[in-house]
Amino acid sequence: MSAHVVLPGDVDDPNAPSGGNTYDRRVCAEIARLGIELRETRIPGNWPQPDETARALLADALATVPDGGAVLLDGLVACGVPDVVGAHASRLRQAILVHLPLAEETGLDPALAARLDAAEREVLHAAAVVVATGPRAAQRLVRHHDLPPEAVRTVAPGTDPAPSAPGTDGSSRLLCVASVTPRKGHDLLVTALARLRDLPWTCDLAGPVARDGAHARRVAELIERHSLGDRVRLLGPLSGAALDDAYAAADLVVQPSRAETYGMAVTEALARGIPVIASAVPDALGDGGLLLPPGDADALTEALRRWSHDERFRSRMREAARQRREQLPTWRSSARQLAAVLARLET
């Protein structure tokens, strides 16, 4: 079996770590280890709104695939350009991998969101199969884009086995691992922490800054306004040993996202037995932590206050994280599921 894979050009960029990039890298590597030939094409561009050069590169990549070939396209590349992708839909067997529906990115101009949403719908309806990264994400795609349920498959991200995180003192070291964009809710977290300045805590924010940097500047201004510069650190993107060290020191991971399709940083934390307080990540979190309503700074404040004050609550959270740790899928199992999807494209 062989298949073509089309990915964003920055999938290996250490300065642009993201759940989508990690997913793409890891499942492709594991599929190759299963003995399946993957022909990867990585296309640079400002996806999902590429310039003409990037559009032409995508068109050329698809044109090289023989008639009837199986192609897996990252939705960030495919879903904004239905004219380019659709030109090959009738002769290729296309699978579209949707990490996040384009219109769900927080902070988009409403007119742009509507255009991206319409483009995505056209691409997904023309695809042979759509792959979502979580059960609820799959259900949302079916409902929102009126897709046949049998055309949407779910392949959740995997996790790597990791040693238990020792933490710092059991309660005070907080960690958030997420790109600094409005969707990830760093502003909500800083607002909540400002209300808890009387409690003992420090918080590290690890993640890359969006291209325009506007939200990161807003978060930095909030930190300065509340005089939290000695307690909240914007670390930028971390990977490898530096990220492992950040997790190892964490007593609690906080992920206050406004919207997610899965939430891989949550499972990375749970794989280390770290308790998690989060929002918008029910599939990743399972019963492994405390799930809050998205966008609710008051609920986040009270949850963090309880974490600091209530030792029995912390103990229950640690036990829940340990139990969830044993249930997490591996990257090998995720790759097998995606390989099965690709195999069906050839039939």
Protein backbone atom coordinates (compact mmCIF):
# COMPACT_ATOMS: atom_id res chain seq x y z
CA MET A 1 0.00 0.00 0.00
CA SER A 2 1.14 3.55 -0.72
CA ALA A 3 -0.37 6.99 -0.26
CA HIS A 4 0.48 10.63 -0.85
CA VAL A 5 0.38 13.07 2.07
CA VAL A 6 0.18 16.86 1.75
CA LEU A 7 1.23 18.83 4.85
CA PRO A 8 1.93 22.46 5.79
CA GLY A 9 5.48 23.60 5.16
CA ASP A 10 6.15 24.41 8.82
CA VAL A 11 5.30 20.96 10.14
CA ASP A 12 8.90 20.50 11.38
CA ASP A 13 9.54 24.09 12.43
CA PRO A 14 10.61 24.12 16.12
CA ASN A 15 9.43 27.73 16.34
CA ALA A 16 5.91 26.76 15.29
CA PRO A 17 4.99 23.80 17.51
CA SER A 18 1.32 22.95 17.41
CA GLY A 19 -0.93 20.01 18.04
CA GLY A 20 -1.67 19.74 14.34
CA ASN A 21 2.00 19.69 13.36
CA THR A 22 2.82 17.14 16.04
CA TYR A 23 -0.08 14.93 14.94
CA ASP A 24 1.01 15.08 11.30
CA ARG A 25 4.64 14.26 12.08
CA ARG A 26 3.95 11.45 14.49
CA VAL A 27 1.25 9.56 12.60
CA CYS A 28 3.19 9.79 9.34
CA ALA A 29 6.31 8.42 11.03
CA GLU A 30 4.37 5.57 12.64
CA ILE A 31 2.52 4.71 9.41
CA ALA A 32 5.88 4.44 7.64
CA ARG A 33 7.07 2.08 10.39
CA LEU A 34 4.07 -0.11 9.61
CA GLY A 35 5.57 -0.69 6.17
CA ILE A 36 3.28 1.66 4.26
CA GLU A 37 4.92 3.88 1.66
CA LEU A 38 4.09 7.54 2.25
CA ARG A 39 5.09 10.19 -0.27
CA GLU A 40 5.08 13.43 1.69
CA THR A 41 4.82 16.87 0.16
CA ARG A 42 5.22 19.87 2.47
CA ILE A 43 3.96 23.12 1.08
CA PRO A 44 4.97 26.46 2.60
CA GLY A 45 2.35 29.18 2.69
CA ASN A 46 0.10 31.32 4.82
CA TRP A 47 -2.52 28.60 5.15
CA PRO A 48 -5.51 28.66 5.01
CA GLN A 49 -5.16 31.93 3.03
CA PRO A 50 -2.23 31.21 0.72
CA ASP A 51 -0.72 33.46 -1.91
CA GLU A 52 -0.56 32.49 -5.57
CA THR A 53 2.83 30.81 -5.18
CA ALA A 54 1.55 28.47 -2.47
CA ARG A 55 -1.63 27.75 -4.44
CA ALA A 56 0.46 26.83 -7.47
CA LEU A 57 2.68 24.53 -5.40
CA LEU A 58 -0.39 22.70 -4.09
CA ALA A 59 -1.87 22.40 -7.57
CA ASP A 60 1.42 21.00 -8.91
CA ALA A 61 1.66 18.51 -6.03
CA LEU A 62 -1.82 17.15 -6.68
CA ALA A 63 -1.24 17.03 -10.43
CA THR A 64 1.69 14.64 -9.94
CA VAL A 65 -0.50 12.03 -8.21
CA PRO A 66 -1.67 9.36 -10.68
CA ASP A 67 -5.37 8.91 -11.34
CA GLY A 68 -7.02 6.93 -8.56
CA GLY A 69 -4.24 7.69 -6.09
CA ALA A 70 -4.94 7.98 -2.38
CA VAL A 71 -4.08 11.40 -0.93
CA LEU A 72 -4.26 12.54 2.69
CA LEU A 73 -4.40 16.34 2.93
CA ASP A 74 -4.04 18.35 6.11
CA GLY A 75 -7.20 20.46 6.33
CA LEU A 76 -5.25 23.62 7.06
CA VAL A 77 -3.79 23.34 3.55
CA ALA A 78 -6.84 21.94 1.77
CA CYS A 79 -9.96 23.48 3.25
CA GLY A 80 -9.43 27.10 2.23
CA VAL A 81 -8.83 26.41 -1.46
CA PRO A 82 -11.75 24.38 -2.85
CA ASP A 83 -10.94 25.40 -6.42
CA VAL A 84 -7.42 23.91 -6.22
CA VAL A 85 -8.35 20.76 -4.31
CA GLY A 86 -11.67 20.29 -6.09
CA ALA A 87 -10.00 20.28 -9.49
CA HIS A 88 -8.59 16.84 -8.61
CA ALA A 89 -11.43 15.45 -6.47
CA SER A 90 -12.99 13.38 -9.24
CA ARG A 91 -9.77 11.61 -10.24
CA LEU A 92 -8.12 11.17 -6.82
CA ARG A 93 -9.26 9.50 -3.61
CA GLN A 94 -8.89 12.37 -1.15
CA ALA A 95 -8.97 12.16 2.64
CA ILE A 96 -9.10 15.50 4.47
CA LEU A 97 -7.66 15.60 8.00
CA VAL A 98 -9.42 18.33 10.01
CA HIS A 99 -7.53 19.46 13.09
CA LEU A 100 -9.70 22.55 13.65
CA PRO A 101 -12.56 23.77 11.44
CA LEU A 102 -11.29 26.95 9.81
CA ALA A 103 -14.11 29.19 11.00
CA GLU A 104 -13.62 28.13 14.63
CA GLU A 105 -10.33 29.98 14.98
CA THR A 106 -11.01 32.67 17.59
CA GLY A 107 -10.81 36.32 16.58
CA LEU A 108 -11.55 35.97 12.86
CA ASP A 109 -13.39 38.75 11.07
CA PRO A 110 -16.98 37.45 10.61
CA ALA A 111 -16.87 37.89 6.84
CA LEU A 112 -13.60 35.97 6.59
CA ALA A 113 -14.92 33.24 8.88
CA ALA A 114 -17.97 32.86 6.67
CA ARG A 115 -15.83 32.59 3.52
CA LEU A 116 -13.53 30.00 5.09
CA ASP A 117 -16.52 28.05 6.38
CA ALA A 118 -18.10 27.90 2.93
CA ALA A 119 -14.80 26.88 1.36
CA GLU A 120 -14.30 24.13 3.92
CA ARG A 121 -17.79 22.77 3.35
CA GLU A 122 -17.14 22.52 -0.38
CA VAL A 123 -13.85 20.69 0.15
CA LEU A 124 -15.25 18.24 2.69
CA HIS A 125 -18.28 17.36 0.58
CA ALA A 126 -16.01 16.56 -2.37
CA ALA A 127 -13.67 14.35 -0.30
CA ALA A 128 -13.85 10.57 -0.26
CA VAL A 129 -13.47 10.63 3.52
CA VAL A 130 -13.03 13.20 6.30
CA VAL A 131 -10.84 12.43 9.31
CA ALA A 132 -11.53 14.19 12.62
CA THR A 133 -9.23 14.09 15.65
CA GLY A 134 -11.90 13.41 18.26
CA PRO A 135 -15.44 12.01 18.57
CA ARG A 136 -17.05 15.34 19.38
CA ALA A 137 -15.13 17.03 16.58
CA ALA A 138 -16.47 14.41 14.18
CA GLN A 139 -20.02 14.99 15.39
CA ARG A 140 -19.64 18.75 14.95
CA LEU A 141 -18.38 18.34 11.39
CA VAL A 142 -21.31 16.08 10.51
CA ARG A 143 -23.84 18.51 11.97
CA HIS A 144 -22.30 21.76 10.83
CA HIS A 145 -21.41 20.78 7.28
CA ASP A 146 -24.29 18.32 6.80
CA LEU A 147 -21.90 15.48 6.01
CA PRO A 148 -22.94 11.83 5.81
CA PRO A 149 -21.90 10.27 9.15
CA GLU A 150 -20.35 7.30 7.36
CA ALA A 151 -18.00 9.66 5.49
CA VAL A 152 -16.37 10.94 8.70
CA ARG A 153 -13.83 8.86 10.62
CA THR A 154 -12.24 9.59 14.00
CA VAL A 155 -8.53 9.09 14.64
CA ALA A 156 -7.53 10.60 17.98
CA PRO A 157 -3.95 11.70 18.65
CA GLY A 158 -1.65 9.30 20.45
CA THR A 159 0.67 9.87 23.38
CA ASP A 160 4.18 8.82 24.28
CA PRO A 161 4.90 6.95 27.49
CA ALA A 162 6.51 9.37 29.94
CA PRO A 163 7.84 9.22 33.49
CA SER A 164 5.63 10.57 36.27
CA ALA A 165 6.19 14.27 36.83
CA PRO A 166 7.59 14.95 40.32
CA GLY A 167 6.21 18.49 40.35
CA THR A 168 7.53 21.18 42.64
CA ASP A 169 5.70 21.35 45.98
CA GLY A 170 2.48 19.60 44.96
CA SER A 171 0.37 22.69 44.39
CA SER A 172 2.04 25.97 43.46
CA ARG A 173 3.70 25.47 40.05
CA LEU A 174 1.17 25.97 37.24
CA LEU A 175 1.82 25.35 33.55
CA CYS A 176 -0.09 26.18 30.36
CA VAL A 177 1.19 24.73 27.07
CA ALA A 178 -0.53 26.38 24.12
CA SER A 179 0.02 28.73 21.20
CA VAL A 180 -0.56 32.30 22.35
CA THR A 181 -3.74 32.94 20.38
CA PRO A 182 -7.18 34.16 21.51
CA ARG A 183 -8.62 30.63 21.22
CA LYS A 184 -6.28 29.29 23.90
CA GLY A 185 -7.54 31.67 26.60
CA HIS A 186 -4.31 32.96 28.13
CA ASP A 187 -6.10 36.24 28.90
CA LEU A 188 -8.68 34.33 30.94
CA LEU A 189 -5.93 32.59 32.88
CA VAL A 190 -4.08 35.83 33.69
CA THR A 191 -7.36 37.43 34.75
CA ALA A 192 -8.09 34.52 37.10
CA LEU A 193 -4.57 34.54 38.53
CA ALA A 194 -4.76 38.29 39.19
CA ARG A 195 -7.71 37.59 41.50
CA LEU A 196 -5.61 35.03 43.38
CA ARG A 197 -2.51 37.09 44.05
CA ASP A 198 -2.84 36.34 47.77
CA LEU A 199 -2.20 32.61 47.11
CA PRO A 200 1.19 30.92 46.55
CA TRP A 201 1.61 30.14 42.86
CA THR A 202 3.77 30.73 39.79
CA CYS A 203 2.64 30.08 36.22
CA ASP A 204 4.62 29.38 33.05
CA LEU A 205 3.02 29.98 29.66
CA ALA A 206 4.81 27.87 27.04
CA GLY A 207 3.91 28.25 23.38
CA PRO A 208 4.61 30.08 20.14
CA VAL A 209 3.14 33.49 19.35
CA ALA A 210 0.70 33.95 16.46
CA ARG A 211 2.03 35.66 13.36
CA ASP A 212 0.74 39.16 14.12
CA GLY A 213 1.58 38.91 17.83
CA ALA A 214 -1.41 41.06 18.83
CA HIS A 215 -2.84 38.63 21.35
CA ALA A 216 0.56 37.95 22.90
CA ARG A 217 0.98 41.70 23.40
CA ARG A 218 -2.42 41.83 25.05
CA VAL A 219 -1.48 38.99 27.40
CA ALA A 220 1.83 40.69 28.23
CA GLU A 221 -0.03 43.94 28.94
CA LEU A 222 -2.42 42.09 31.27
CA ILE A 223 0.53 40.58 33.13
CA GLU A 224 2.10 44.02 33.51
CA ARG A 225 -1.17 45.74 34.46
CA HIS A 226 -1.73 43.27 37.29
CA SER A 227 1.94 43.41 38.38
CA LEU A 228 2.38 39.68 37.83
CA GLY A 229 5.66 39.81 35.94
CA ASP A 230 7.53 38.01 38.72
CA ARG A 231 4.97 35.19 38.82
CA VAL A 232 3.75 34.66 35.23
CA ARG A 233 6.36 33.93 32.55
CA LEU A 234 5.83 33.90 28.78
CA LEU A 235 8.43 31.33 27.75
CA GLY A 236 7.81 31.09 24.02
CA PRO A 237 7.82 27.73 22.22
CA LEU A 238 9.34 24.77 24.06
CA SER A 239 10.17 21.36 22.68
CA GLY A 240 12.29 18.34 23.48
CA ALA A 241 14.09 18.38 26.82
CA ALA A 242 12.97 21.93 27.63
CA LEU A 243 9.32 20.95 27.34
CA ASP A 244 9.93 17.75 29.31
CA ASP A 245 11.50 19.84 32.08
CA ALA A 246 8.52 22.19 32.15
CA TYR A 247 6.12 19.28 32.54
CA ALA A 248 8.33 17.63 35.18
CA ALA A 249 8.18 20.77 37.35
CA ALA A 250 4.41 21.27 36.97
CA ASP A 251 2.04 20.55 39.84
CA LEU A 252 -1.01 21.45 37.72
CA VAL A 253 -1.59 22.01 34.00
CA VAL A 254 -4.20 24.65 33.14
CA GLN A 255 -5.65 24.81 29.63
CA PRO A 256 -8.41 27.49 29.51
CA SER A 257 -9.22 27.13 25.79
CA ARG A 258 -12.28 28.75 24.30
CA ALA A 259 -12.46 26.06 21.60
CA GLU A 260 -10.57 22.86 20.76
CA THR A 261 -11.06 19.78 18.64
CA TYR A 262 -9.05 17.58 21.00
CA GLY A 263 -6.33 19.10 23.20
CA MET A 264 -3.01 17.26 22.89
CA ALA A 265 -1.27 19.25 25.62
CA VAL A 266 -3.85 17.82 28.01
CA THR A 267 -2.97 14.22 27.14
CA GLU A 268 0.75 15.06 27.29
CA ALA A 269 0.17 16.21 30.87
CA LEU A 270 -1.97 13.20 31.77
CA ALA A 271 0.66 10.85 30.32
CA ARG A 272 2.91 12.19 33.08
CA GLY A 273 0.22 11.90 35.77
CA ILE A 274 -0.16 15.69 36.08
CA PRO A 275 -3.60 16.91 37.19
CA VAL A 276 -5.40 19.11 34.66
CA ILE A 277 -7.97 21.90 34.87
CA ALA A 278 -9.20 22.71 31.37
CA SER A 279 -12.08 23.74 29.15
CA ALA A 280 -13.27 22.66 25.69
CA VAL A 281 -11.31 19.36 25.81
CA PRO A 282 -13.78 16.64 26.91
CA ASP A 283 -12.36 13.93 24.63
CA ALA A 284 -8.76 14.45 25.71
CA LEU A 285 -9.53 14.95 29.39
CA GLY A 286 -12.04 12.16 29.87
CA ASP A 287 -12.39 11.61 33.62
CA GLY A 288 -8.79 12.68 34.18
CA GLY A 289 -9.37 16.18 35.52
CA LEU A 290 -11.75 19.09 35.98
CA LEU A 291 -13.59 20.30 32.86
CA LEU A 292 -14.81 23.92 33.00
CA PRO A 293 -17.16 25.90 30.74
CA PRO A 294 -15.18 27.65 27.98
CA GLY A 295 -14.62 31.37 28.41
CA ASP A 296 -15.64 31.44 32.09
CA ALA A 297 -12.99 33.34 34.06
CA ASP A 298 -15.08 33.11 37.25
CA ALA A 299 -15.24 29.30 37.10
CA LEU A 300 -11.51 29.17 36.40
CA THR A 301 -10.79 31.44 39.36
CA GLU A 302 -12.80 29.30 41.74
CA ALA A 303 -11.26 26.07 40.44
CA LEU A 304 -7.74 27.41 40.99
CA ARG A 305 -8.69 28.71 44.43
CA ARG A 306 -10.01 25.27 45.34
CA TRP A 307 -6.85 23.64 43.99
CA SER A 308 -4.73 25.85 46.24
CA HIS A 309 -6.84 25.45 49.38
CA ASP A 310 -8.17 21.88 49.29
CA GLU A 311 -5.65 19.05 49.72
CA ARG A 312 -8.34 16.37 49.34
CA PHE A 313 -9.35 17.93 46.01
CA ARG A 314 -5.73 17.86 44.86
CA SER A 315 -5.42 14.22 45.87
CA ARG A 316 -8.55 13.28 43.92
CA MET A 317 -7.24 15.17 40.89
CA ARG A 318 -3.91 13.35 41.04
CA GLU A 319 -5.64 9.98 41.27
CA ALA A 320 -7.92 10.85 38.33
CA ALA A 321 -4.88 11.82 36.25
CA ARG A 322 -3.12 8.54 37.11
CA GLN A 323 -6.15 6.51 36.07
CA ARG A 324 -6.61 8.43 32.82
CA ARG A 325 -2.92 7.91 32.09
CA GLU A 326 -3.51 4.19 31.70
CA GLN A 327 -6.29 4.74 29.13
CA LEU A 328 -4.48 6.99 26.65
CA PRO A 329 -3.93 5.72 23.09
CA THR A 330 -0.43 5.37 21.67
CA TRP A 331 0.80 6.91 18.44
CA ARG A 332 1.13 3.40 17.04
CA SER A 333 -2.58 2.71 17.63
CA SER A 334 -3.50 6.08 16.06
CA ALA A 335 -1.34 5.28 13.04
CA ARG A 336 -3.01 1.90 12.60
CA GLN A 337 -6.43 3.57 12.57
CA LEU A 338 -5.36 6.16 10.00
CA ALA A 339 -3.65 3.50 7.89
CA ALA A 340 -6.96 1.61 7.83
CA VAL A 341 -8.69 4.76 6.52
CA LEU A 342 -6.10 5.12 3.77
CA ALA A 343 -6.40 1.43 2.87
CA ARG A 344 -10.14 1.86 2.32
CA LEU A 345 -9.40 4.66 -0.14
CA GLU A 346 -7.75 2.12 -2.42
CA THR A 347 -10.76 -0.17 -2.56
